Amino acid sequence: MANIHNIASLSTADLLQKEASASSKNRSDVNFADQLKSAIEDVNAAQKSAEKSMADMATGQVKDLHQAALSISKAETSMKLMLEVRNKALSAYKEITRTQL
């Protein structure tokens, strides 16, 4: 019962402050490599889902054509985004290597 009274006594500002500190702590724990790996895994999952949707369409097992088209479109868009991120990263790397010290 003590926990219930503690929760009831907290104000909205206290809750928001605790959420902000928790989210900033979580953001500092994640590094760029982990975020990049996670993004690549998401693109891979979207590609696999699109391949399954295309296979289902080819075999006639698709139940919802609209969902299949959305899955394929999502995979295409995520791949284009990943390619643009890669191109920007390579461009930045080349620019850094050309910089004279």
C-alpha atoms as a PDB file:
ATOM      1  CA  MET A   1       0.000   0.000   0.000  1.00  0.00           C
ATOM      2  CA  ALA A   2       2.903   2.344   0.592  1.00  0.00           C
ATOM      3  CA  ASN A   3       3.811   2.195  -3.107  1.00  0.00           C
ATOM      4  CA  ILE A   4       0.321   3.263  -4.125  1.00  0.00           C
ATOM      5  CA  HIS A   5       0.495   6.309  -1.853  1.00  0.00           C
ATOM      6  CA  ASN A   6       3.922   7.231  -3.238  1.00  0.00           C
ATOM      7  CA  ILE A   7       2.662   7.040  -6.802  1.00  0.00           C
ATOM      8  CA  ALA A   8      -0.403   9.122  -6.004  1.00  0.00           C
ATOM      9  CA  SER A   9       1.709  11.821  -4.363  1.00  0.00           C
ATOM     10  CA  LEU A  10       3.941  12.314  -7.423  1.00  0.00           C
ATOM     11  CA  SER A  11       3.126  15.268  -9.614  1.00  0.00           C
ATOM     12  CA  THR A  12       3.122  15.226 -13.411  1.00  0.00           C
ATOM     13  CA  ALA A  13       6.295  17.311 -13.465  1.00  0.00           C
ATOM     14  CA  ASP A  14       8.074  14.713 -11.325  1.00  0.00           C
ATOM     15  CA  LEU A  15       7.017  11.928 -13.671  1.00  0.00           C
ATOM     16  CA  LEU A  16       8.147  13.856 -16.752  1.00  0.00           C
ATOM     17  CA  GLN A  17      11.492  14.629 -15.142  1.00  0.00           C
ATOM     18  CA  LYS A  18      12.038  10.947 -14.311  1.00  0.00           C
ATOM     19  CA  GLU A  19      11.124   9.925 -17.878  1.00  0.00           C
ATOM     20  CA  ALA A  20      13.505  12.524 -19.333  1.00  0.00           C
ATOM     21  CA  SER A  21      16.393  11.362 -17.163  1.00  0.00           C
ATOM     22  CA  ALA A  22      15.694   7.718 -18.000  1.00  0.00           C
ATOM     23  CA  SER A  23      15.526   8.394 -21.737  1.00  0.00           C
ATOM     24  CA  SER A  24      18.738  10.435 -21.698  1.00  0.00           C
ATOM     25  CA  LYS A  25      20.445   7.608 -19.829  1.00  0.00           C
ATOM     26  CA  ASN A  26      19.202   5.109 -22.427  1.00  0.00           C
ATOM     27  CA  ARG A  27      20.370   7.303 -25.316  1.00  0.00           C
ATOM     28  CA  SER A  28      23.891   7.597 -23.898  1.00  0.00           C
ATOM     29  CA  ASP A  29      24.190   3.811 -23.563  1.00  0.00           C
ATOM     30  CA  VAL A  30      23.551   3.190 -27.271  1.00  0.00           C
ATOM     31  CA  ASN A  31      26.450   3.904 -29.592  1.00  0.00           C
ATOM     32  CA  PHE A  32      26.468   4.569 -33.322  1.00  0.00           C
ATOM     33  CA  ALA A  33      27.557   1.060 -34.269  1.00  0.00           C
ATOM     34  CA  ASP A  34      24.644  -0.493 -32.378  1.00  0.00           C
ATOM     35  CA  GLN A  35      22.173   1.902 -33.981  1.00  0.00           C
ATOM     36  CA  LEU A  36      23.573   1.165 -37.432  1.00  0.00           C
ATOM     37  CA  LYS A  37      23.420  -2.580 -36.819  1.00  0.00           C
ATOM     38  CA  SER A  38      19.820  -2.267 -35.641  1.00  0.00           C
ATOM     39  CA  ALA A  39      18.888  -0.258 -38.742  1.00  0.00           C
ATOM     40  CA  ILE A  40      20.490  -2.850 -41.028  1.00  0.00           C
ATOM     41  CA  GLU A  41      18.614  -5.632 -39.247  1.00  0.00           C
ATOM     42  CA  ASP A  42      15.341  -3.708 -39.720  1.00  0.00           C
ATOM     43  CA  VAL A  43      16.014  -3.314 -43.437  1.00  0.00           C
ATOM     44  CA  ASN A  44      16.851  -7.009 -43.675  1.00  0.00           C
ATOM     45  CA  ALA A  45      13.598  -7.934 -41.922  1.00  0.00           C
ATOM     46  CA  ALA A  46      11.637  -5.695 -44.304  1.00  0.00           C
ATOM     47  CA  GLN A  47      13.359  -7.322 -47.288  1.00  0.00           C
ATOM     48  CA  LYS A  48      12.521 -10.817 -46.005  1.00  0.00           C
ATOM     49  CA  SER A  49       8.907  -9.805 -45.457  1.00  0.00           C
ATOM     50  CA  ALA A  50       8.705  -8.401 -48.995  1.00  0.00           C
ATOM     51  CA  GLU A  51      10.212 -11.585 -50.441  1.00  0.00           C
ATOM     52  CA  LYS A  52       7.634 -13.667 -48.573  1.00  0.00           C
ATOM     53  CA  SER A  53       4.844 -11.404 -49.829  1.00  0.00           C
ATOM     54  CA  MET A  54       6.070 -11.739 -53.415  1.00  0.00           C
ATOM     55  CA  ALA A  55       6.311 -15.515 -53.083  1.00  0.00           C
ATOM     56  CA  ASP A  56       2.785 -15.630 -51.652  1.00  0.00           C
ATOM     57  CA  MET A  57       1.526 -13.504 -54.538  1.00  0.00           C
ATOM     58  CA  ALA A  58       3.220 -15.774 -57.067  1.00  0.00           C
ATOM     59  CA  THR A  59       1.737 -18.917 -55.553  1.00  0.00           C
ATOM     60  CA  GLY A  60      -1.702 -17.404 -55.010  1.00  0.00           C
ATOM     61  CA  GLN A  61      -1.556 -17.749 -51.229  1.00  0.00           C
ATOM     62  CA  VAL A  62      -1.835 -14.020 -50.561  1.00  0.00           C
ATOM     63  CA  LYS A  63      -4.942 -13.123 -48.583  1.00  0.00           C
ATOM     64  CA  ASP A  64      -4.643  -9.359 -48.668  1.00  0.00           C
ATOM     65  CA  LEU A  65      -3.098  -7.913 -51.810  1.00  0.00           C
ATOM     66  CA  HIS A  66      -2.991  -4.426 -50.297  1.00  0.00           C
ATOM     67  CA  GLN A  67      -0.871  -5.587 -47.333  1.00  0.00           C
ATOM     68  CA  ALA A  68       1.485  -7.403 -49.685  1.00  0.00           C
ATOM     69  CA  ALA A  69       1.924  -4.269 -51.790  1.00  0.00           C
ATOM     70  CA  LEU A  70       2.564  -2.211 -48.643  1.00  0.00           C
ATOM     71  CA  SER A  71       5.170  -4.694 -47.456  1.00  0.00           C
ATOM     72  CA  ILE A  72       6.985  -4.553 -50.792  1.00  0.00           C
ATOM     73  CA  SER A  73       6.818  -0.748 -50.863  1.00  0.00           C
ATOM     74  CA  LYS A  74       8.111  -0.495 -47.291  1.00  0.00           C
ATOM     75  CA  ALA A  75      11.064  -2.743 -48.127  1.00  0.00           C
ATOM     76  CA  GLU A  76      11.878  -0.696 -51.221  1.00  0.00           C
ATOM     77  CA  THR A  77      11.741   2.587 -49.316  1.00  0.00           C
ATOM     78  CA  SER A  78      13.851   1.290 -46.436  1.00  0.00           C
ATOM     79  CA  MET A  79      16.471  -0.025 -48.874  1.00  0.00           C
ATOM     80  CA  LYS A  80      16.632   3.329 -50.663  1.00  0.00           C
ATOM     81  CA  LEU A  81      17.070   5.101 -47.330  1.00  0.00           C
ATOM     82  CA  MET A  82      19.838   2.708 -46.277  1.00  0.00           C
ATOM     83  CA  LEU A  83      21.630   3.245 -49.595  1.00  0.00           C
ATOM     84  CA  GLU A  84      21.436   7.029 -49.163  1.00  0.00           C
ATOM     85  CA  VAL A  85      22.845   6.762 -45.637  1.00  0.00           C
ATOM     86  CA  ARG A  86      25.667   4.598 -46.980  1.00  0.00           C
ATOM     87  CA  ASN A  87      26.380   7.061 -49.788  1.00  0.00           C
ATOM     88  CA  LYS A  88      26.461   9.990 -47.352  1.00  0.00           C
ATOM     89  CA  ALA A  89      28.772   8.095 -45.007  1.00  0.00           C
ATOM     90  CA  LEU A  90      31.155   7.236 -47.855  1.00  0.00           C
ATOM     91  CA  SER A  91      31.082  10.824 -49.055  1.00  0.00           C
ATOM     92  CA  ALA A  92      31.897  12.088 -45.569  1.00  0.00           C
ATOM     93  CA  TYR A  93      34.727   9.551 -45.254  1.00  0.00           C
ATOM     94  CA  LYS A  94      36.213  10.623 -48.584  1.00  0.00           C
ATOM     95  CA  GLU A  95      35.971  14.271 -47.566  1.00  0.00           C
ATOM     96  CA  ILE A  96      37.748  13.552 -44.282  1.00  0.00           C
ATOM     97  CA  THR A  97      40.545  11.672 -46.058  1.00  0.00           C
ATOM     98  CA  ARG A  98      41.051  14.613 -48.421  1.00  0.00           C
ATOM     99  CA  THR A  99      41.396  17.042 -45.531  1.00  0.00           C
ATOM    100  CA  GLN A 100      44.963  18.166 -45.007  1.00  0.00           C
ATOM    101  CA  LEU A 101      46.270  18.465 -41.475  1.00  0.00           C
END
